[in-house]
Protein backbone atom coordinates (compact mmCIF):
# COMPACT_ATOMS: atom_id res chain seq x y z
CA MET A 1 -17.21 25.40 4.91
CA GLU A 2 -19.43 23.36 2.59
CA SER A 3 -16.66 20.80 2.07
CA LYS A 4 -16.26 20.40 5.83
CA LEU A 5 -19.99 19.87 6.24
CA PHE A 6 -19.85 17.31 3.45
CA ILE A 7 -17.10 15.36 5.19
CA ILE A 8 -18.94 15.49 8.52
CA GLU A 9 -22.12 14.21 6.87
CA LEU A 10 -20.08 11.63 5.00
CA VAL A 11 -18.67 10.29 8.26
CA LYS A 12 -21.98 10.62 10.07
CA TYR A 13 -23.90 8.49 7.61
CA GLY A 14 -21.06 6.31 6.40
CA ALA A 15 -22.06 3.48 8.74
CA TRP A 16 -25.62 3.27 7.35
CA PRO A 17 -25.17 1.21 4.29
CA LEU A 18 -22.34 -1.22 4.75
CA VAL A 19 -23.39 -0.85 1.21
CA THR A 20 -21.21 -3.47 -0.37
CA CYS A 21 -23.14 -6.03 1.62
CA VAL A 22 -26.38 -4.72 0.20
CA ILE A 23 -25.03 -4.81 -3.33
CA ALA A 24 -24.13 -8.46 -2.89
CA TYR A 25 -27.45 -9.18 -1.17
CA VAL A 26 -30.00 -7.14 -3.10
CA LEU A 27 -28.82 -6.10 -6.56
CA LYS A 28 -25.74 -8.20 -7.11
CA ASP A 29 -26.50 -9.07 -10.73
CA ARG A 30 -27.19 -5.53 -11.94
CA VAL A 31 -24.54 -3.80 -9.90
CA SER A 32 -21.88 -6.34 -10.86
CA GLY A 33 -22.50 -5.25 -14.42
CA ILE A 34 -21.65 -1.69 -13.43
CA PHE A 35 -18.55 -2.46 -11.39
CA GLY A 36 -17.50 -5.66 -13.16
CA GLY A 37 -13.86 -6.62 -13.33
CA GLY A 38 -11.35 -9.05 -11.92
CA ILE A 39 -9.37 -8.80 -8.75
CA LYS A 40 -6.81 -6.02 -9.03
CA SER A 41 -3.79 -5.00 -6.99
CA ALA A 42 -0.78 -2.75 -7.21
CA LYS A 43 2.39 -4.40 -8.47
CA HIS A 44 6.01 -3.37 -8.56
CA GLY A 45 8.28 -5.88 -10.29
CA ASP A 46 7.67 -9.27 -8.74
CA THR A 47 6.13 -7.78 -5.62
CA GLU A 48 2.40 -7.37 -5.17
CA PHE A 49 0.96 -4.90 -2.65
CA GLN A 50 -2.50 -5.15 -1.18
CA PHE A 51 -4.51 -2.00 -0.46
CA TYR A 52 -3.96 -2.30 3.29
CA GLU A 53 -0.17 -2.37 3.00
CA ASN A 54 1.27 -0.41 5.92
CA ASN A 55 4.07 1.06 3.86
CA GLN A 56 4.57 4.45 2.28
CA HIS A 57 5.97 2.69 -0.79
CA ALA A 58 2.78 0.72 -1.36
CA LYS A 59 1.05 1.94 -4.48
CA PRO A 60 -2.64 2.77 -3.87
CA ILE A 61 -5.34 1.18 -5.97
CA LYS A 62 -7.69 3.58 -7.73
CA LEU A 63 -11.19 3.55 -6.28
CA GLU A 64 -12.72 2.57 -9.59
CA ASP A 65 -10.33 -0.38 -9.90
CA GLN A 66 -11.08 -1.93 -6.52
CA ASP A 67 -12.62 -5.38 -6.34
CA LEU A 68 -15.79 -5.06 -4.27
CA THR A 69 -15.33 -8.45 -2.60
CA ARG A 70 -12.36 -7.01 -0.68
CA PHE A 71 -14.85 -4.91 1.30
CA ILE A 72 -16.93 -7.86 2.49
CA PRO A 73 -15.36 -9.57 5.52
CA VAL A 74 -16.70 -12.83 6.92
CA ASP A 75 -19.80 -12.16 9.03
CA THR A 76 -18.93 -14.22 12.12
CA THR A 77 -21.24 -12.29 14.47
CA GLY A 78 -24.39 -12.13 12.38
CA ILE A 79 -24.56 -8.35 12.82
CA ARG A 80 -24.14 -7.72 9.11
CA THR A 81 -27.10 -9.97 8.36
CA GLU A 82 -29.26 -7.80 10.61
CA VAL A 83 -28.03 -4.64 8.91
CA GLU A 84 -28.64 -6.15 5.48
CA ALA A 85 -32.21 -6.98 6.47
CA HIS A 86 -32.75 -3.43 7.69
CA ILE A 87 -31.39 -1.89 4.48
CA THR A 88 -33.28 -4.35 2.31
CA ASN A 89 -36.46 -3.30 4.07
CA ASP A 90 -35.64 0.37 3.44
CA LEU A 91 -35.01 -0.32 -0.24
CA THR A 92 -38.41 -1.92 -0.68
CA LYS A 93 -39.91 1.49 0.10
CA ILE A 94 -38.15 3.02 -2.93
CA ASP A 95 -39.88 2.73 -6.31
CA GLY A 96 -37.79 1.77 -9.30
CA GLU A 97 -34.60 -0.27 -9.45
CA LYS A 98 -32.70 2.64 -11.02
CA ASP A 99 -33.34 4.78 -7.93
CA LYS A 100 -32.21 1.91 -5.72
CA ILE A 101 -29.01 1.49 -7.71
CA ASP A 102 -28.36 5.24 -7.58
CA ILE A 103 -28.64 5.19 -3.78
CA LEU A 104 -26.36 2.17 -3.47
CA VAL A 105 -23.76 3.62 -5.82
CA LYS A 106 -23.71 6.95 -3.97
CA ASN A 107 -23.32 5.23 -0.62
CA LEU A 108 -20.63 2.91 -1.99
CA ALA A 109 -18.68 5.91 -3.30
CA GLN A 110 -19.09 7.59 0.09
CA GLN A 111 -17.85 4.51 1.95
CA GLN A 112 -14.86 4.11 -0.37
CA ILE A 113 -13.84 7.71 0.28
CA ILE A 114 -13.89 7.04 4.01
CA ASN A 115 -11.93 3.80 3.59
CA THR A 116 -9.34 5.54 1.43
CA PHE A 117 -8.82 8.40 3.88
CA GLU A 118 -8.45 5.91 6.74
CA LYS A 119 -5.66 4.15 4.85
CA VAL A 120 -3.97 7.42 3.98
CA TYR A 121 -4.06 8.56 7.60
CA PHE A 122 -2.69 5.22 8.81
CA ASN A 123 0.39 5.57 6.58
CA ILE A 124 0.98 9.32 6.36
CA PHE A 125 3.71 11.10 8.35
CA GLY A 126 2.78 14.02 10.59
CA SER A 127 5.10 16.30 8.65
CA GLN A 128 3.36 15.35 5.41
CA ILE A 129 0.11 16.55 6.97
CA GLN A 130 1.95 19.80 7.72
CA VAL A 131 2.89 20.05 4.05
CA LEU A 132 -0.76 19.68 3.05
CA GLU A 133 -1.83 22.29 5.59
CA TYR A 134 0.85 24.69 4.41
CA LEU A 135 -0.22 24.29 0.78
CA SER A 136 -3.90 24.67 1.67
CA VAL A 137 -3.41 28.25 2.91
CA GLN A 138 -1.20 29.42 0.05
CA ASN A 139 -2.42 31.44 -2.89
CA ASN A 140 -4.03 28.99 -5.34
CA GLY A 141 -2.94 26.20 -2.99
CA GLN A 142 0.58 26.09 -4.38
CA CYS A 143 4.16 26.99 -3.57
CA SER A 144 7.70 26.26 -4.71
CA VAL A 145 9.96 23.45 -3.53
CA LYS A 146 12.09 25.83 -1.46
CA ASP A 147 9.03 26.84 0.56
CA ILE A 148 8.15 23.33 1.77
CA LEU A 149 11.65 21.82 1.81
CA PRO A 150 12.26 23.14 5.38
CA ILE A 151 9.31 21.04 6.63
CA PHE A 152 10.96 17.93 5.23
CA GLU A 153 14.41 18.84 6.54
CA ASN A 154 13.07 19.57 10.02
CA ALA A 155 11.20 16.25 10.10
CA LYS A 156 14.32 14.42 8.95
CA GLN A 157 16.40 15.96 11.75
CA LYS A 158 13.84 15.01 14.40
CA ASN A 159 13.24 11.49 13.05
CA THR A 160 16.62 10.33 11.75
CA LYS A 161 15.85 6.63 12.24
CA ILE A 162 12.59 6.71 10.26
CA LEU A 163 13.65 9.13 7.53
CA ASN A 164 17.28 8.10 7.25
CA GLY A 165 18.20 7.91 3.57
CA VAL A 166 14.81 9.27 2.47
CA GLN A 167 15.06 11.89 -0.26
CA PHE A 168 12.62 14.76 -0.74
CA SER A 169 11.34 13.17 -3.95
CA ASP A 170 10.59 9.91 -2.09
CA TYR A 171 8.93 11.86 0.69
CA MET A 172 6.60 13.69 -1.70
CA GLN A 173 5.90 10.59 -3.76
CA PHE A 174 3.53 9.30 -1.08
CA LEU A 175 1.39 12.43 -1.40
CA LEU A 176 1.55 12.18 -5.18
CA SER A 177 0.60 8.51 -5.27
CA TRP A 178 -2.56 9.17 -3.25
CA ASP A 179 -3.40 12.21 -5.40
CA LEU A 180 -3.18 14.58 -2.42
CA VAL A 181 -0.83 16.88 -4.32
CA LYS A 182 0.35 17.38 -7.86
CA ASN A 183 3.63 18.69 -9.22
CA ASP A 184 4.14 21.23 -11.97
CA GLU A 185 7.88 21.74 -12.50
CA ASP A 186 9.00 23.70 -9.41
CA LYS A 187 5.47 24.07 -8.04
CA TRP A 188 3.68 21.78 -5.61
CA ILE A 189 -0.10 22.10 -5.58
CA ILE A 190 -2.66 20.63 -3.21
CA THR A 191 -5.52 18.79 -4.94
CA LYS A 192 -9.20 18.60 -4.04
CA HIS A 193 -8.45 15.16 -2.60
CA GLY A 194 -5.78 16.73 -0.40
CA ARG A 195 -8.18 19.39 0.86
CA ALA A 196 -10.90 16.80 1.45
CA PHE A 197 -8.42 14.67 3.41
CA LEU A 198 -7.59 17.61 5.68
CA ASN A 199 -11.31 18.21 6.22
CA TYR A 200 -11.71 14.53 7.07
CA ILE A 201 -8.97 14.73 9.70
CA SER A 202 -10.61 17.77 11.26
CA ALA A 203 -14.10 16.25 11.19
CA MET A 204 -12.83 13.05 12.84
CA ARG A 205 -10.63 15.02 15.27
CA LEU A 206 -7.62 12.88 14.38
CA ASP A 207 -4.17 13.70 15.72
CA LYS A 208 -2.17 15.69 13.19
CA ASN A 209 1.09 15.36 15.15
CA LYS A 210 1.94 11.85 14.00
CA VAL A 211 5.46 10.41 14.03
CA ALA A 212 7.83 11.85 11.40
């Protein structure tokens, strides 16, 4: 229950900061020292995938490896400038730069979680959500391959065009790559990220019956 409340609060207040804008606007020098690093992306051979790649084969970028500038679109409307001014004004009421940085970092982490779950939901198959839900109600959140294989086989029969040629290992690799599940020999186990993602879907009232 606490995790669901956390996700709801996370979504509820996620719009407050547009915090990457504030980092660039208020504490860019100090915060860049914390998050410093070059632009990073996921590569496979000669192919480079961006974080927004609409493809289950796209390798996700770890949150800590993301380049913050990717989160700052061009402000063509001027709305962001107004929000920045509002947040800057709020920050002036907080004593101590360390406290300000702590608030910005927490809100940045919160916003990145939301962004990550949005990308996962955009790419995930409905049957993969079923796999996560099935694992979530099992003892210790785990089961054997034979227990979840029918979910994959049923999805493959109903969506032959989309899942044609897709093997079970490929199918589960998407969940593995986003750290929603982990594999221990014959056991598949849902992770805390997987549970949090399910809570996010419920909090946002997103459709679980996606294609495939």
